Amino acid sequence: TTIDKDGGRTITAGTRSPKSAYGVRTIPLPAAIDTMLRHHHLAQKKYMLAHGLPQSELVFTTKKGTMMSASVFQKQYASLLKKAGVQYRKFHAIRHTFATEAIRNGVDVKDLQRLLGHSDIKMTYNYVQPDMMTQRQAMNVINAVM
């Protein structure tokens, strides 16, 4: 989104470079997600071919085969949440939930930092939401040591 001097907005689809070198990374996907994405991409390629549309290496495109704009993606995301009966949360909240659940389930904070693409570990800690369950688990560890 570009905002001009009068406050007008222009939305364009495109890609951009990560904020830092840490943002350039390979993220290992769980096998089930990798399989789902590959099947989706194959189905999308078949659709494009059947409708005479240009082939794309993008995993998610519009029905015309073009790059999906952020606004279209956001609308689809909101629609999916509504259909699933899930209260709306900003898309970025998924990263916070992922970070919190990763720590809760024993992922090392340095590994999490790399997965999230943070150059400073302090930023990673900002993503993790402490909760009573995690604090109880920590106290159980201390109790077992004593």
N, C-alpha and C. Protein backbone atom coordinates (compact mmCIF):
# COMPACT_ATOMS: atom_id res chain seq x y z
N THR A 1 0.85 -1.18 0.00
CA THR A 1 0.00 0.00 0.00
C THR A 1 0.89 1.24 0.00
N THR A 2 0.60 2.15 -0.90
CA THR A 2 1.31 3.41 -0.96
C THR A 2 0.33 4.51 -0.57
N ILE A 3 0.76 5.42 0.32
CA ILE A 3 -0.09 6.53 0.74
C ILE A 3 0.51 7.82 0.21
N ASP A 4 -0.28 8.58 -0.56
CA ASP A 4 0.24 9.83 -1.11
C ASP A 4 0.10 10.97 -0.09
N LYS A 5 0.55 12.16 -0.46
CA LYS A 5 0.56 13.30 0.46
C LYS A 5 -0.84 13.73 0.91
N ASP A 6 -1.87 13.37 0.12
CA ASP A 6 -3.24 13.73 0.49
C ASP A 6 -3.95 12.61 1.26
N GLY A 7 -3.23 11.53 1.54
CA GLY A 7 -3.81 10.43 2.30
C GLY A 7 -4.46 9.36 1.44
N GLY A 8 -4.39 9.52 0.11
CA GLY A 8 -4.94 8.51 -0.78
C GLY A 8 -4.09 7.25 -0.78
N ARG A 9 -4.73 6.12 -0.91
CA ARG A 9 -4.02 4.84 -0.87
C ARG A 9 -4.06 4.16 -2.23
N THR A 10 -2.93 3.58 -2.60
CA THR A 10 -2.83 2.77 -3.80
C THR A 10 -2.33 1.40 -3.37
N ILE A 11 -3.12 0.36 -3.67
CA ILE A 11 -2.73 -0.99 -3.29
C ILE A 11 -2.20 -1.70 -4.53
N THR A 12 -0.99 -2.26 -4.41
CA THR A 12 -0.41 -3.01 -5.51
C THR A 12 0.06 -4.36 -4.99
N ALA A 13 -0.07 -5.37 -5.85
CA ALA A 13 0.42 -6.69 -5.49
C ALA A 13 1.88 -6.77 -5.88
N GLY A 14 2.65 -7.45 -5.07
CA GLY A 14 4.06 -7.60 -5.38
C GLY A 14 4.78 -8.28 -4.24
N THR A 15 6.05 -8.42 -4.42
CA THR A 15 6.88 -9.00 -3.37
C THR A 15 7.88 -7.96 -2.92
N ARG A 16 8.43 -8.19 -1.77
CA ARG A 16 9.45 -7.26 -1.28
C ARG A 16 10.48 -8.06 -0.52
N SER A 17 11.62 -7.45 -0.33
CA SER A 17 12.71 -8.10 0.38
C SER A 17 12.43 -8.07 1.88
N PRO A 18 12.93 -9.07 2.60
CA PRO A 18 12.78 -9.06 4.06
C PRO A 18 13.49 -7.87 4.68
N LYS A 19 13.12 -7.55 5.90
CA LYS A 19 13.70 -6.40 6.60
C LYS A 19 15.20 -6.57 6.88
N SER A 20 15.62 -7.82 7.12
CA SER A 20 17.03 -8.06 7.40
C SER A 20 17.46 -9.36 6.73
N ALA A 21 18.76 -9.63 6.76
CA ALA A 21 19.28 -10.87 6.18
C ALA A 21 18.70 -12.10 6.89
N TYR A 22 18.31 -11.95 8.15
CA TYR A 22 17.72 -13.07 8.89
C TYR A 22 16.37 -13.48 8.30
N GLY A 23 15.75 -12.57 7.59
CA GLY A 23 14.45 -12.86 7.00
C GLY A 23 14.54 -13.78 5.78
N VAL A 24 15.74 -13.87 5.20
CA VAL A 24 15.95 -14.79 4.09
C VAL A 24 16.31 -16.13 4.70
N ARG A 25 15.38 -17.09 4.61
CA ARG A 25 15.61 -18.36 5.27
C ARG A 25 14.77 -19.46 4.63
N THR A 26 15.16 -20.67 4.91
CA THR A 26 14.39 -21.83 4.50
C THR A 26 13.62 -22.31 5.72
N ILE A 27 12.33 -22.45 5.58
CA ILE A 27 11.50 -22.88 6.70
C ILE A 27 11.03 -24.30 6.43
N PRO A 28 11.46 -25.25 7.26
CA PRO A 28 11.00 -26.63 7.06
C PRO A 28 9.52 -26.74 7.42
N LEU A 29 8.75 -27.34 6.53
CA LEU A 29 7.32 -27.50 6.77
C LEU A 29 7.01 -28.91 7.27
N PRO A 30 6.02 -29.03 8.13
CA PRO A 30 5.56 -30.38 8.50
C PRO A 30 5.12 -31.11 7.22
N ALA A 31 5.34 -32.42 7.17
CA ALA A 31 5.04 -33.20 5.97
C ALA A 31 3.59 -33.03 5.51
N ALA A 32 2.65 -33.01 6.44
CA ALA A 32 1.24 -32.89 6.07
C ALA A 32 0.95 -31.56 5.37
N ILE A 33 1.55 -30.49 5.85
CA ILE A 33 1.34 -29.17 5.23
C ILE A 33 2.02 -29.12 3.87
N ASP A 34 3.22 -29.66 3.79
CA ASP A 34 3.94 -29.71 2.52
C ASP A 34 3.10 -30.45 1.48
N THR A 35 2.53 -31.58 1.86
CA THR A 35 1.69 -32.37 0.96
C THR A 35 0.45 -31.58 0.53
N MET A 36 -0.22 -30.95 1.48
CA MET A 36 -1.42 -30.16 1.15
C MET A 36 -1.08 -29.04 0.16
N LEU A 37 0.02 -28.34 0.39
CA LEU A 37 0.40 -27.24 -0.50
C LEU A 37 0.76 -27.74 -1.89
N ARG A 38 1.44 -28.88 -1.96
CA ARG A 38 1.78 -29.46 -3.27
C ARG A 38 0.51 -29.87 -4.04
N HIS A 39 -0.44 -30.48 -3.34
CA HIS A 39 -1.71 -30.87 -3.98
C HIS A 39 -2.48 -29.64 -4.46
N HIS A 40 -2.51 -28.61 -3.62
CA HIS A 40 -3.19 -27.37 -4.00
C HIS A 40 -2.54 -26.77 -5.24
N HIS A 41 -1.22 -26.72 -5.24
CA HIS A 41 -0.50 -26.12 -6.37
C HIS A 41 -0.76 -26.91 -7.65
N LEU A 42 -0.76 -28.23 -7.55
CA LEU A 42 -1.03 -29.06 -8.72
C LEU A 42 -2.46 -28.83 -9.24
N ALA A 43 -3.42 -28.78 -8.33
CA ALA A 43 -4.82 -28.52 -8.72
C ALA A 43 -4.93 -27.15 -9.37
N GLN A 44 -4.21 -26.18 -8.84
CA GLN A 44 -4.23 -24.83 -9.39
C GLN A 44 -3.64 -24.82 -10.80
N LYS A 45 -2.54 -25.55 -11.01
CA LYS A 45 -1.93 -25.61 -12.34
C LYS A 45 -2.88 -26.25 -13.35
N LYS A 46 -3.58 -27.31 -12.92
CA LYS A 46 -4.55 -27.96 -13.81
C LYS A 46 -5.68 -27.00 -14.17
N TYR A 47 -6.14 -26.22 -13.18
CA TYR A 47 -7.20 -25.23 -13.41
C TYR A 47 -6.72 -24.20 -14.43
N MET A 48 -5.51 -23.70 -14.24
CA MET A 48 -4.96 -22.67 -15.13
C MET A 48 -4.85 -23.21 -16.56
N LEU A 49 -4.36 -24.43 -16.67
CA LEU A 49 -4.21 -25.06 -17.98
C LEU A 49 -5.56 -25.25 -18.66
N ALA A 50 -6.54 -25.74 -17.90
CA ALA A 50 -7.88 -25.99 -18.44
C ALA A 50 -8.57 -24.71 -18.89
N HIS A 51 -8.23 -23.58 -18.27
CA HIS A 51 -8.89 -22.31 -18.60
C HIS A 51 -8.01 -21.38 -19.44
N GLY A 52 -6.90 -21.93 -19.95
CA GLY A 52 -6.02 -21.13 -20.82
C GLY A 52 -5.36 -19.97 -20.12
N LEU A 53 -5.11 -20.12 -18.82
CA LEU A 53 -4.49 -19.05 -18.05
C LEU A 53 -2.99 -19.30 -17.92
N PRO A 54 -2.22 -18.25 -17.67
CA PRO A 54 -0.77 -18.43 -17.56
C PRO A 54 -0.40 -19.29 -16.35
N GLN A 55 0.60 -20.14 -16.55
CA GLN A 55 1.09 -20.97 -15.45
C GLN A 55 1.91 -20.09 -14.50
N SER A 56 1.85 -20.44 -13.23
CA SER A 56 2.55 -19.65 -12.21
C SER A 56 3.18 -20.58 -11.20
N GLU A 57 4.30 -20.17 -10.67
CA GLU A 57 4.95 -20.92 -9.60
C GLU A 57 4.42 -20.49 -8.23
N LEU A 58 3.55 -19.49 -8.22
CA LEU A 58 2.95 -19.05 -6.96
C LEU A 58 2.01 -20.14 -6.46
N VAL A 59 1.96 -20.32 -5.15
CA VAL A 59 1.09 -21.35 -4.57
C VAL A 59 -0.34 -20.84 -4.48
N PHE A 60 -0.53 -19.58 -4.19
CA PHE A 60 -1.87 -18.99 -4.10
C PHE A 60 -1.97 -17.84 -5.09
N THR A 61 -2.95 -17.94 -5.96
CA THR A 61 -3.17 -16.89 -6.96
C THR A 61 -4.66 -16.55 -7.01
N THR A 62 -4.97 -15.52 -7.76
CA THR A 62 -6.36 -15.22 -8.03
C THR A 62 -6.88 -16.24 -9.04
N LYS A 63 -8.16 -16.22 -9.32
CA LYS A 63 -8.73 -17.15 -10.31
C LYS A 63 -8.20 -16.89 -11.71
N LYS A 64 -7.64 -15.71 -11.91
CA LYS A 64 -7.07 -15.37 -13.21
C LYS A 64 -5.59 -15.77 -13.30
N GLY A 65 -5.06 -16.31 -12.20
CA GLY A 65 -3.66 -16.75 -12.21
C GLY A 65 -2.66 -15.67 -11.86
N THR A 66 -3.13 -14.53 -11.41
CA THR A 66 -2.23 -13.44 -11.05
C THR A 66 -1.93 -13.46 -9.55
N MET A 67 -0.93 -12.70 -9.18
CA MET A 67 -0.57 -12.61 -7.77
C MET A 67 -1.73 -12.04 -6.97
N MET A 68 -2.01 -12.65 -5.86
CA MET A 68 -3.10 -12.21 -5.00
C MET A 68 -2.65 -10.98 -4.20
N SER A 69 -3.46 -9.93 -4.24
CA SER A 69 -3.12 -8.74 -3.47
C SER A 69 -3.37 -8.99 -1.98
N ALA A 70 -2.76 -8.19 -1.15
CA ALA A 70 -2.92 -8.33 0.30
C ALA A 70 -4.38 -8.15 0.70
N SER A 71 -5.09 -7.24 0.04
CA SER A 71 -6.49 -7.00 0.41
C SER A 71 -7.37 -8.21 0.08
N VAL A 72 -7.12 -8.86 -1.05
CA VAL A 72 -7.88 -10.07 -1.41
C VAL A 72 -7.55 -11.18 -0.42
N PHE A 73 -6.28 -11.32 -0.10
CA PHE A 73 -5.87 -12.35 0.86
C PHE A 73 -6.55 -12.11 2.21
N GLN A 74 -6.56 -10.86 2.66
CA GLN A 74 -7.19 -10.53 3.95
C GLN A 74 -8.68 -10.85 3.93
N LYS A 75 -9.35 -10.56 2.83
CA LYS A 75 -10.78 -10.86 2.73
C LYS A 75 -11.03 -12.36 2.80
N GLN A 76 -10.20 -13.14 2.11
CA GLN A 76 -10.35 -14.59 2.14
C GLN A 76 -10.07 -15.14 3.54
N TYR A 77 -9.06 -14.60 4.19
CA TYR A 77 -8.71 -15.00 5.55
C TYR A 77 -9.89 -14.73 6.50
N ALA A 78 -10.46 -13.53 6.41
CA ALA A 78 -11.60 -13.17 7.27
C ALA A 78 -12.80 -14.08 6.99
N SER A 79 -13.01 -14.39 5.72
CA SER A 79 -14.12 -15.27 5.35
C SER A 79 -13.92 -16.68 5.92
N LEU A 80 -12.72 -17.19 5.85
CA LEU A 80 -12.43 -18.52 6.40
C LEU A 80 -12.64 -18.57 7.90
N LEU A 81 -12.21 -17.52 8.60
CA LEU A 81 -12.42 -17.47 10.05
C LEU A 81 -13.90 -17.48 10.37
N LYS A 82 -14.65 -16.69 9.63
CA LYS A 82 -16.09 -16.60 9.87
C LYS A 82 -16.77 -17.96 9.63
N LYS A 83 -16.43 -18.62 8.51
CA LYS A 83 -17.00 -19.93 8.21
C LYS A 83 -16.66 -20.96 9.28
N ALA A 84 -15.47 -20.83 9.86
CA ALA A 84 -15.03 -21.77 10.89
C ALA A 84 -15.57 -21.41 12.27
N GLY A 85 -16.24 -20.26 12.37
CA GLY A 85 -16.78 -19.83 13.66
C GLY A 85 -15.71 -19.33 14.62
N VAL A 86 -14.58 -18.85 14.05
CA VAL A 86 -13.47 -18.37 14.86
C VAL A 86 -13.52 -16.85 14.90
N GLN A 87 -13.36 -16.29 16.10
CA GLN A 87 -13.37 -14.84 16.25
C GLN A 87 -12.24 -14.23 15.42
N TYR A 88 -12.52 -13.11 14.75
CA TYR A 88 -11.51 -12.46 13.91
C TYR A 88 -10.31 -12.01 14.73
N ARG A 89 -9.15 -12.29 14.21
CA ARG A 89 -7.88 -11.82 14.74
C ARG A 89 -7.06 -11.35 13.54
N LYS A 90 -6.24 -10.34 13.74
CA LYS A 90 -5.37 -9.90 12.65
C LYS A 90 -4.50 -11.08 12.22
N PHE A 91 -4.19 -11.13 10.94
CA PHE A 91 -3.42 -12.24 10.39
C PHE A 91 -2.08 -12.40 11.12
N HIS A 92 -1.46 -11.29 11.47
CA HIS A 92 -0.16 -11.33 12.15
C HIS A 92 -0.24 -12.05 13.50
N ALA A 93 -1.42 -12.12 14.09
CA ALA A 93 -1.59 -12.81 15.37
C ALA A 93 -1.21 -14.29 15.26
N ILE A 94 -1.28 -14.85 14.06
CA ILE A 94 -0.89 -16.25 13.87
C ILE A 94 0.57 -16.45 14.25
N ARG A 95 1.42 -15.48 13.94
CA ARG A 95 2.84 -15.59 14.30
C ARG A 95 3.01 -15.60 15.82
N HIS A 96 2.24 -14.77 16.51
CA HIS A 96 2.32 -14.74 17.97
C HIS A 96 1.85 -16.06 18.57
N THR A 97 0.75 -16.59 18.04
CA THR A 97 0.24 -17.87 18.52
C THR A 97 1.24 -18.98 18.25
N PHE A 98 1.81 -18.98 17.06
CA PHE A 98 2.82 -19.98 16.72
C PHE A 98 3.99 -19.92 17.70
N ALA A 99 4.49 -18.72 17.96
CA ALA A 99 5.63 -18.55 18.86
C ALA A 99 5.30 -19.04 20.27
N THR A 100 4.15 -18.67 20.77
CA THR A 100 3.73 -19.07 22.12
C THR A 100 3.60 -20.59 22.21
N GLU A 101 2.93 -21.19 21.22
CA GLU A 101 2.73 -22.64 21.24
C GLU A 101 4.05 -23.38 21.04
N ALA A 102 4.94 -22.84 20.24
CA ALA A 102 6.24 -23.47 20.04
C ALA A 102 7.02 -23.54 21.35
N ILE A 103 7.08 -22.43 22.07
CA ILE A 103 7.78 -22.40 23.36
C ILE A 103 7.09 -23.32 24.35
N ARG A 104 5.76 -23.27 24.38
CA ARG A 104 4.99 -24.11 25.30
C ARG A 104 5.27 -25.59 25.06
N ASN A 105 5.56 -25.94 23.81
CA ASN A 105 5.77 -27.34 23.45
C ASN A 105 7.25 -27.70 23.32
N GLY A 106 8.11 -26.88 23.91
CA GLY A 106 9.51 -27.25 24.05
C GLY A 106 10.46 -26.85 22.94
N VAL A 107 10.03 -26.01 21.99
CA VAL A 107 10.94 -25.56 20.95
C VAL A 107 11.96 -24.60 21.57
N ASP A 108 13.22 -24.81 21.26
CA ASP A 108 14.28 -23.94 21.77
C ASP A 108 14.10 -22.53 21.22
N VAL A 109 14.31 -21.53 22.05
CA VAL A 109 14.07 -20.15 21.65
C VAL A 109 14.99 -19.72 20.50
N LYS A 110 16.21 -20.26 20.42
CA LYS A 110 17.10 -19.92 19.30
C LYS A 110 16.56 -20.50 17.99
N ASP A 111 16.01 -21.71 18.05
CA ASP A 111 15.39 -22.28 16.85
C ASP A 111 14.18 -21.46 16.45
N LEU A 112 13.39 -21.05 17.42
CA LEU A 112 12.22 -20.22 17.14
C LEU A 112 12.64 -18.89 16.51
N GLN A 113 13.69 -18.30 17.03
CA GLN A 113 14.20 -17.05 16.47
C GLN A 113 14.51 -17.21 14.98
N ARG A 114 15.17 -18.31 14.63
CA ARG A 114 15.51 -18.55 13.22
C ARG A 114 14.26 -18.79 12.38
N LEU A 115 13.30 -19.55 12.92
CA LEU A 115 12.06 -19.81 12.18
C LEU A 115 11.30 -18.53 11.90
N LEU A 116 11.27 -17.63 12.88
CA LEU A 116 10.54 -16.37 12.71
C LEU A 116 11.33 -15.34 11.91
N GLY A 117 12.63 -15.58 11.73
CA GLY A 117 13.45 -14.66 10.95
C GLY A 117 13.84 -13.40 11.69
N HIS A 118 13.97 -13.50 13.02
CA HIS A 118 14.35 -12.34 13.82
C HIS A 118 15.87 -12.25 13.95
N SER A 119 16.42 -11.07 13.74
CA SER A 119 17.85 -10.88 13.92
C SER A 119 18.20 -10.71 15.39
N ASP A 120 17.26 -10.24 16.19
CA ASP A 120 17.49 -10.01 17.61
C ASP A 120 16.53 -10.89 18.41
N ILE A 121 17.07 -11.66 19.32
CA ILE A 121 16.25 -12.58 20.10
C ILE A 121 15.22 -11.85 20.97
N LYS A 122 15.49 -10.58 21.28
CA LYS A 122 14.52 -9.80 22.06
C LYS A 122 13.18 -9.71 21.32
N MET A 123 13.25 -9.61 20.00
CA MET A 123 12.03 -9.54 19.21
C MET A 123 11.26 -10.86 19.33
N THR A 124 11.98 -11.96 19.35
CA THR A 124 11.33 -13.27 19.49
C THR A 124 10.60 -13.34 20.82
N TYR A 125 11.23 -12.87 21.88
CA TYR A 125 10.57 -12.88 23.19
C TYR A 125 9.32 -12.00 23.20
N ASN A 126 9.30 -10.95 22.38
CA ASN A 126 8.10 -10.10 22.29
C ASN A 126 6.92 -10.86 21.70
N TYR A 127 7.19 -11.90 20.94
CA TYR A 127 6.12 -12.68 20.30
C TYR A 127 5.50 -13.71 21.24
N VAL A 128 6.23 -14.10 22.25
CA VAL A 128 5.77 -15.16 23.14
C VAL A 128 4.91 -14.56 24.25
N GLN A 129 3.70 -15.09 24.38
CA GLN A 129 2.77 -14.62 25.40
C GLN A 129 2.82 -15.56 26.60
N PRO A 130 3.31 -15.08 27.75
CA PRO A 130 3.34 -15.95 28.92
C PRO A 130 1.92 -16.28 29.38
N ASP A 131 1.76 -17.50 29.91
CA ASP A 131 0.46 -17.86 30.43
C ASP A 131 0.63 -18.75 31.65
N MET A 132 -0.44 -18.95 32.38
CA MET A 132 -0.40 -19.69 33.63
C MET A 132 0.03 -21.14 33.41
N MET A 133 -0.41 -21.75 32.32
CA MET A 133 -0.06 -23.15 32.07
C MET A 133 1.46 -23.30 31.91
N THR A 134 2.08 -22.42 31.15
CA THR A 134 3.52 -22.47 30.95
C THR A 134 4.25 -22.21 32.26
N GLN A 135 3.73 -21.28 33.05
CA GLN A 135 4.36 -20.98 34.33
C GLN A 135 4.25 -22.17 35.29
N ARG A 136 3.12 -22.86 35.26
CA ARG A 136 2.97 -24.07 36.09
C ARG A 136 3.96 -25.15 35.66
N GLN A 137 4.11 -25.31 34.35
CA GLN A 137 5.06 -26.30 33.84
C GLN A 137 6.48 -25.97 34.32
N ALA A 138 6.82 -24.69 34.29
CA ALA A 138 8.14 -24.27 34.77
C ALA A 138 8.31 -24.60 36.25
N MET A 139 7.29 -24.35 37.02
CA MET A 139 7.36 -24.65 38.47
C MET A 139 7.43 -26.15 38.71
N ASN A 140 6.78 -26.97 37.89
CA ASN A 140 6.88 -28.43 38.00
C ASN A 140 8.30 -28.89 37.73
N VAL A 141 8.98 -28.25 36.80
CA VAL A 141 10.38 -28.59 36.53
C VAL A 141 11.22 -28.28 37.77
N ILE A 142 11.00 -27.10 38.34
CA ILE A 142 11.74 -26.71 39.55
C ILE A 142 11.43 -27.67 40.69
N ASN A 143 10.18 -28.03 40.84
CA ASN A 143 9.75 -28.96 41.90
C ASN A 143 10.45 -30.30 41.74
N ALA A 144 10.59 -30.77 40.49
CA ALA A 144 11.22 -32.08 40.25
C ALA A 144 12.70 -32.03 40.61
N VAL A 145 13.34 -30.89 40.42
CA VAL A 145 14.75 -30.74 40.74
C VAL A 145 14.97 -30.73 42.25
N MET A 146 14.03 -30.14 42.97
CA MET A 146 14.17 -30.01 44.42
C MET A 146 13.80 -31.32 45.03
